[in-house]
Amino acid sequence: MARRTPLTSLKQISEINLTPLMDLTFILLITFIITFPLMEQGVHVNLPQGKADQLEADESRTITVDEKGGLYLDNEPISIEELTGQMKAMKEISPDSRVLVRGDESIRYGKIIEVLKMLHAAKITKMALVTRAEDAE
């Protein structure tokens, strides 16, 4: 049996179909949009409960003290001396900057006071202690 179509008459497809790539990109974008707010920001600490106003989402730095007393500046481990230098430099660059202090409820109160004294020495006047919302009873 002979072939009815010659091999040279077949047209080659030289274009890439972008539809599957766009579908994949769209699915990944939606996945990141959904999962990003669910990720906990920063170092895990068990914040104490308290009643306070909501914080505005603005440009601020976060100091975290974990349950072992470790210090973190914006989720990066740091010593108290380095933190003091960073806060003084931040005050010179941006005098109206705000610092949020997050502390685990199981640590000594003195560790938070040490951080607050350091902020006072760096002339940081806008600071807030972060708590989690009280349970509705």
Protein backbone atom coordinates (compact mmCIF):
# COMPACT_ATOMS: atom_id res chain seq x y z
CA MET A 1 0.00 0.00 0.00
CA ALA A 2 1.41 3.35 -1.01
CA ARG A 3 1.33 6.58 0.95
CA ARG A 4 -1.21 9.09 -0.15
CA THR A 5 0.50 12.20 1.26
CA PRO A 6 4.11 13.04 0.61
CA LEU A 7 6.35 13.76 3.58
CA THR A 8 7.36 17.18 2.32
CA SER A 9 3.85 18.58 2.24
CA LEU A 10 3.35 18.40 5.99
CA LYS A 11 3.60 21.85 7.58
CA GLN A 12 5.82 22.20 10.61
CA ILE A 13 4.41 24.09 13.56
CA SER A 14 7.05 26.64 14.50
CA GLU A 15 5.02 28.58 17.08
CA ILE A 16 4.94 27.96 20.82
CA ASN A 17 1.50 27.69 22.34
CA LEU A 18 1.49 30.19 25.24
CA THR A 19 -1.91 29.28 26.67
CA PRO A 20 -0.64 26.49 29.00
CA LEU A 21 2.19 28.75 30.24
CA MET A 22 -0.25 31.56 30.99
CA ASP A 23 -2.55 29.13 32.81
CA LEU A 24 0.33 27.88 34.94
CA THR A 25 1.42 31.44 35.74
CA PHE A 26 -2.12 32.39 36.73
CA ILE A 27 -2.45 29.34 39.02
CA LEU A 28 0.88 30.12 40.72
CA LEU A 29 -0.13 33.75 41.20
CA ILE A 30 -3.43 32.78 42.83
CA THR A 31 -1.66 30.23 45.04
CA PHE A 32 0.79 32.87 46.33
CA ILE A 33 -1.98 35.42 46.85
CA ILE A 34 -3.94 32.93 48.97
CA THR A 35 -1.04 31.52 50.99
CA PHE A 36 0.96 34.72 51.63
CA PRO A 37 -1.36 36.15 54.33
CA LEU A 38 -1.42 32.76 56.07
CA MET A 39 2.33 32.74 56.63
CA GLU A 40 3.31 34.00 60.06
CA GLN A 41 5.63 36.91 59.82
CA GLY A 42 8.92 36.54 61.59
CA VAL A 43 10.08 34.66 64.62
CA HIS A 44 7.43 32.64 66.44
CA VAL A 45 6.65 34.07 69.87
CA ASN A 46 3.71 33.47 72.15
CA LEU A 47 2.53 37.05 72.57
CA PRO A 48 0.70 38.02 75.75
CA GLN A 49 -2.97 38.95 75.48
CA GLY A 50 -3.96 42.57 75.73
CA LYS A 51 -6.49 45.09 74.65
CA ALA A 52 -5.07 47.68 72.24
CA ASP A 53 -5.79 49.53 69.03
CA GLN A 54 -4.86 48.07 65.67
CA LEU A 55 -1.47 49.13 64.34
CA GLU A 56 -1.30 50.95 61.05
CA ALA A 57 0.56 49.22 58.26
CA ASP A 58 3.42 51.65 57.75
CA GLU A 59 7.18 51.67 57.62
CA SER A 60 8.35 50.30 60.97
CA ARG A 61 11.05 48.04 62.35
CA THR A 62 10.27 45.05 64.56
CA ILE A 63 12.35 43.88 67.51
CA THR A 64 11.48 40.40 68.73
CA VAL A 65 12.54 38.74 71.98
CA ASP A 66 11.92 34.98 71.84
CA GLU A 67 11.29 32.60 74.75
CA LYS A 68 15.04 31.99 75.20
CA GLY A 69 15.83 35.72 75.37
CA GLY A 70 17.27 35.91 71.84
CA LEU A 71 16.99 39.26 70.06
CA TYR A 72 15.88 39.65 66.44
CA LEU A 73 15.65 42.79 64.33
CA ASP A 74 13.21 42.25 61.46
CA ASN A 75 13.57 38.45 61.86
CA GLU A 76 17.40 38.50 61.79
CA PRO A 77 19.34 37.49 64.95
CA ILE A 78 21.22 40.42 66.45
CA SER A 79 23.13 41.28 69.64
CA ILE A 80 22.11 44.14 71.94
CA GLU A 81 25.22 46.13 70.94
CA GLU A 82 24.50 45.77 67.22
CA LEU A 83 20.86 46.61 67.85
CA THR A 84 21.83 49.80 69.67
CA GLY A 85 23.99 50.89 66.74
CA GLN A 86 21.25 50.08 64.22
CA MET A 87 18.64 52.02 66.19
CA LYS A 88 20.89 55.10 66.51
CA ALA A 89 21.60 54.99 62.77
CA MET A 90 17.88 54.57 62.03
CA LYS A 91 17.04 57.60 64.20
CA GLU A 92 19.55 59.75 62.30
CA ILE A 93 18.18 58.67 58.91
CA SER A 94 14.49 58.78 59.78
CA PRO A 95 13.59 60.70 62.97
CA ASP A 96 9.89 59.70 62.78
CA SER A 97 10.50 55.96 62.49
CA ARG A 98 8.48 53.57 64.62
CA VAL A 99 9.68 50.43 66.41
CA LEU A 100 7.41 47.51 67.34
CA VAL A 101 8.57 45.33 70.25
CA ARG A 102 7.33 41.73 70.28
CA GLY A 103 8.12 39.63 73.34
CA ASP A 104 7.22 36.09 74.32
CA GLU A 105 4.99 36.04 77.40
CA SER A 106 7.23 33.52 79.18
CA ILE A 107 10.41 35.65 79.24
CA ARG A 108 11.57 37.80 82.13
CA TYR A 109 10.08 41.27 82.22
CA GLY A 110 13.59 42.67 82.62
CA LYS A 111 14.58 41.57 79.11
CA ILE A 112 11.84 43.76 77.57
CA ILE A 113 12.85 46.64 79.87
CA GLU A 114 16.44 46.24 78.66
CA VAL A 115 15.24 46.64 75.05
CA LEU A 116 13.07 49.65 75.97
CA LYS A 117 16.01 51.30 77.80
CA MET A 118 18.17 50.77 74.72
CA LEU A 119 15.47 52.41 72.53
CA HIS A 120 15.28 55.33 74.96
CA ALA A 121 19.07 55.73 74.84
CA ALA A 122 18.86 55.77 71.01
CA LYS A 123 16.23 58.56 71.32
CA ILE A 124 13.50 56.45 69.69
CA THR A 125 10.22 57.94 70.91
CA LYS A 126 7.71 56.08 68.75
CA MET A 127 7.50 52.51 69.97
CA ALA A 128 4.74 50.01 70.65
CA LEU A 129 4.48 46.71 72.52
CA VAL A 130 2.74 44.12 70.36
CA THR A 131 0.12 41.84 71.94
CA ARG A 132 -2.45 39.41 70.60
CA ALA A 133 -6.15 40.16 70.89
CA GLU A 134 -7.97 39.11 74.04
CA ASP A 135 -10.32 36.16 73.67
CA ALA A 136 -13.95 37.20 73.52
CA GLU A 137 -15.69 35.76 76.55
